[in-house]
Amino acid sequence: MSNPINQTGTSQEVATLGGGCFWCLDAVFADLKGVEKAESGYSGGAVDHPTYRQVCSGTTGHAEVSQVTFDPKVISFRELLEVFFTIHDPTTLNRQGADEGTQYRSAIFYHTPEQKGTAEQVVQALNAKGIWDAPIVTEVVPFKKFYRAEDNHQEYYKNNTDQPYCRVVIAPKVAKARKHFLEKLKKG
C-alpha cells in the first residue's frame, strides 16, 4: 500500500488513537519528530459530526482520539504505539484517571492491515512483559471515520498551560513522554 505524499514530498501515514482525554494525547504526539499534525477529534461511534458536549454525554459511541499524521521514515507506527502505551493506562476499561465513560476508552483505530498486525503484536508483547497488574483492554478496531473536534480543542495544552487540568493532568504526561522519549522529540 502506498502512502500519500505531502507538500514537502515526504510520505505520510495516519494513526487514530484513543487513550483518555484527547488533549493529553495531542500534547505528547505534537512534540515528536516525524509527526506533522496531531488533531483532537472523535472516532468509533454512530453519530455523524458529533459535538464535544454530545461525546461527553457518552451516548454517541465515539471515543476522544488524536488523529496523528506522521512520516513513517522518521517515526514508525510501532514507535507511536510505544509512546501511546507509556502515556495512558491501557488496563482500565472506559476510564483514564478521573475521566470515566466509553468516550475515554483505550482504542487503536487501525487504517491498514499492517497497522492492525503491529497493534496486535505490541499489545501481545506488552501483556507478556507483565508491565501492568491487569491485562490490556485496548480495542484494536478498524478505522471508519474521524470527526475533527471544535477549534478550541486543538492544541489545547499549548494554548492553556496555566489551566488547572493542564497543570495537574496533562503536564505530567508530557513530562513523562519527554523524559522517556527524549531522542524522539522535535528540537526547540
Protein backbone atom coordinates (compact mmCIF):
# COMPACT_ATOMS: atom_id res chain seq x y z
CA MET A 1 0.00 0.00 0.00
CA SER A 2 1.47 3.36 -0.94
CA ASN A 3 1.44 6.30 1.42
CA PRO A 4 0.14 9.71 0.33
CA ILE A 5 2.78 12.35 -0.34
CA ASN A 6 2.54 15.68 1.49
CA GLN A 7 3.51 19.14 0.23
CA THR A 8 7.14 18.69 1.25
CA GLY A 9 7.43 15.47 -0.74
CA THR A 10 7.58 13.07 2.22
CA SER A 11 5.29 10.07 2.65
CA GLN A 12 2.58 10.20 5.28
CA GLU A 13 0.58 7.77 7.33
CA VAL A 14 -2.29 8.39 9.70
CA ALA A 15 -2.81 6.85 13.13
CA THR A 16 -6.02 7.28 15.12
CA LEU A 17 -5.57 6.59 18.83
CA GLY A 18 -7.86 6.91 21.84
CA GLY A 19 -6.37 6.91 25.32
CA GLY A 20 -8.49 9.12 27.53
CA CYS A 21 -8.62 12.85 27.06
CA PHE A 22 -7.54 13.88 23.57
CA TRP A 23 -5.83 16.99 24.92
CA CYS A 24 -3.23 14.76 26.62
CA LEU A 25 -2.55 12.69 23.54
CA ASP A 26 -2.23 15.64 21.19
CA ALA A 27 0.16 17.46 23.52
CA VAL A 28 2.53 14.48 23.56
CA PHE A 29 2.30 13.47 19.90
CA ALA A 30 2.79 17.03 18.62
CA ASP A 31 6.26 17.04 20.27
CA LEU A 32 7.55 14.03 18.32
CA LYS A 33 9.88 14.17 15.33
CA GLY A 34 8.08 12.94 12.24
CA VAL A 35 4.65 13.98 13.48
CA GLU A 36 3.32 16.53 11.04
CA LYS A 37 -0.06 17.02 12.70
CA ALA A 38 -1.95 15.82 15.77
CA GLU A 39 -5.64 16.70 15.79
CA SER A 40 -8.21 16.20 18.52
CA GLY A 41 -11.41 14.54 17.43
CA TYR A 42 -13.87 11.71 17.71
CA SER A 43 -13.96 8.22 16.23
CA GLY A 44 -15.65 4.87 16.69
CA GLY A 45 -19.23 5.98 17.21
CA ALA A 46 -22.54 6.07 15.39
CA VAL A 47 -23.34 9.81 15.35
CA ASP A 48 -22.22 11.90 12.37
CA HIS A 49 -20.44 15.17 13.17
CA PRO A 50 -20.80 14.94 16.94
CA THR A 51 -20.09 17.87 19.23
CA TYR A 52 -17.86 17.76 22.30
CA ARG A 53 -20.93 18.00 24.52
CA GLN A 54 -22.56 15.04 22.73
CA VAL A 55 -19.43 12.89 23.01
CA CYS A 56 -19.00 13.79 26.70
CA SER A 57 -22.56 12.59 27.34
CA GLY A 58 -21.36 9.08 26.48
CA THR A 59 -24.31 8.47 24.14
CA THR A 60 -22.59 8.73 20.73
CA GLY A 61 -20.32 5.71 20.96
CA HIS A 62 -17.34 7.87 19.97
CA ALA A 63 -14.01 7.90 21.75
CA GLU A 64 -11.95 11.05 22.15
CA VAL A 65 -8.99 10.45 19.85
CA SER A 66 -5.87 12.01 18.50
CA GLN A 67 -5.50 11.63 14.75
CA VAL A 68 -1.78 11.75 14.05
CA THR A 69 -0.35 12.41 10.59
CA PHE A 70 3.25 11.23 10.55
CA ASP A 71 6.19 10.40 8.31
CA PRO A 72 6.92 6.67 8.78
CA LYS A 73 10.50 7.21 7.60
CA VAL A 74 11.06 9.36 10.71
CA ILE A 75 8.80 7.67 13.28
CA SER A 76 7.11 4.33 12.78
CA PHE A 77 3.61 3.32 13.78
CA ARG A 78 5.19 0.93 16.31
CA GLU A 79 7.12 3.83 17.86
CA LEU A 80 3.92 5.88 18.11
CA LEU A 81 2.33 2.94 19.92
CA GLU A 82 5.29 2.77 22.33
CA VAL A 83 4.62 6.40 23.25
CA PHE A 84 0.84 5.79 23.35
CA PHE A 85 1.16 2.92 25.83
CA THR A 86 3.54 4.96 28.01
CA ILE A 87 1.21 7.94 28.48
CA HIS A 88 -2.04 6.23 29.43
CA ASP A 89 -3.29 3.23 31.38
CA PRO A 90 -4.43 0.65 28.82
CA THR A 91 -5.81 -1.68 31.52
CA THR A 92 -8.75 0.41 32.69
CA LEU A 93 -11.95 -0.13 30.76
CA ASN A 94 -13.62 3.13 29.73
CA ARG A 95 -11.57 5.19 32.16
CA GLN A 96 -8.42 7.28 32.46
CA GLY A 97 -7.90 8.69 35.92
CA ALA A 98 -10.97 10.70 36.90
CA ASP A 99 -12.29 10.68 33.32
CA GLU A 100 -14.87 7.91 33.05
CA GLY A 101 -17.08 6.74 30.20
CA THR A 102 -16.79 4.97 26.86
CA GLN A 103 -15.50 8.21 25.31
CA TYR A 104 -12.28 7.72 27.34
CA ARG A 105 -11.65 4.13 26.29
CA SER A 106 -8.28 2.93 25.10
CA ALA A 107 -8.51 2.22 21.37
CA ILE A 108 -6.39 1.84 18.28
CA PHE A 109 -8.41 2.51 15.14
CA TYR A 110 -6.22 0.88 12.51
CA HIS A 111 -6.11 2.23 8.94
CA THR A 112 -4.34 -0.68 7.26
CA PRO A 113 -3.84 -4.42 7.80
CA GLU A 114 -0.22 -3.60 8.67
CA GLN A 115 -1.32 -1.26 11.47
CA LYS A 116 -3.68 -3.93 12.78
CA GLY A 117 -0.89 -6.52 12.84
CA THR A 118 1.53 -4.14 14.52
CA ALA A 119 -1.05 -3.11 17.14
CA GLU A 120 -1.88 -6.73 17.95
CA GLN A 121 1.84 -7.61 18.23
CA VAL A 122 2.53 -4.66 20.54
CA VAL A 123 -0.44 -5.48 22.80
CA GLN A 124 0.59 -9.15 22.97
CA ALA A 125 4.23 -8.26 23.75
CA LEU A 126 3.25 -5.76 26.46
CA ASN A 127 0.85 -8.23 28.07
CA ALA A 128 3.61 -10.88 28.04
CA LYS A 129 6.02 -8.49 29.79
CA GLY A 130 3.54 -8.06 32.65
CA ILE A 131 4.18 -4.33 32.97
CA TRP A 132 0.72 -3.74 34.44
CA ASP A 133 -1.11 -5.67 37.13
CA ALA A 134 -4.04 -6.28 34.78
CA PRO A 135 -4.33 -7.22 31.10
CA ILE A 136 -4.51 -4.57 28.39
CA VAL A 137 -8.11 -3.80 27.36
CA THR A 138 -7.21 -1.54 24.41
CA GLU A 139 -9.56 -2.10 21.48
CA VAL A 140 -7.90 -2.78 18.14
CA VAL A 141 -10.67 -1.99 15.67
CA PRO A 142 -10.95 -0.82 12.07
CA PHE A 143 -10.95 2.92 11.44
CA LYS A 144 -14.18 4.18 9.90
CA LYS A 145 -14.46 7.95 10.32
CA PHE A 146 -12.76 10.79 12.11
CA TYR A 147 -14.61 13.93 13.12
CA ARG A 148 -12.32 16.82 13.98
CA ALA A 149 -13.18 18.40 17.33
CA GLU A 150 -14.09 22.05 17.61
CA ASP A 151 -11.26 24.59 17.17
CA ASN A 152 -10.98 25.35 20.90
CA HIS A 153 -9.91 21.70 21.47
CA GLN A 154 -6.99 21.88 19.02
CA GLU A 155 -3.57 22.46 20.62
CA TYR A 156 -5.42 22.80 23.92
CA TYR A 157 -2.41 22.24 26.17
CA LYS A 158 -0.20 24.62 24.19
CA ASN A 159 -2.86 27.33 24.41
CA ASN A 160 -3.95 26.74 28.03
CA THR A 161 -0.88 25.64 30.03
CA ASP A 162 -2.00 27.59 33.10
CA GLN A 163 -5.40 25.90 33.34
CA PRO A 164 -5.61 23.57 36.40
CA TYR A 165 -6.43 20.48 34.26
CA CYS A 166 -3.40 21.18 32.08
CA ARG A 167 -1.07 21.58 35.07
CA VAL A 168 -2.38 18.60 37.03
CA VAL A 169 -3.25 16.04 34.33
CA ILE A 170 -1.58 16.93 31.02
CA ALA A 171 1.75 18.40 32.17
CA PRO A 172 2.86 15.20 33.99
CA LYS A 173 2.08 13.09 30.90
CA VAL A 174 4.02 15.48 28.68
CA ALA A 175 6.94 15.44 31.13
CA LYS A 176 6.91 11.63 31.29
CA ALA A 177 6.91 11.34 27.49
CA ARG A 178 9.71 13.89 27.16
CA LYS A 179 11.81 12.00 29.72
CA HIS A 180 11.24 8.55 28.18
CA PHE A 181 11.45 9.60 24.53
CA LEU A 182 13.95 12.47 24.59
CA GLU A 183 15.65 11.29 21.39
CA LYS A 184 12.32 11.35 19.54
CA LEU A 185 11.47 14.97 20.37
CA LYS A 186 11.46 17.81 17.88
CA LYS A 187 14.19 20.38 18.51
CA GLY A 188 13.14 23.69 20.07
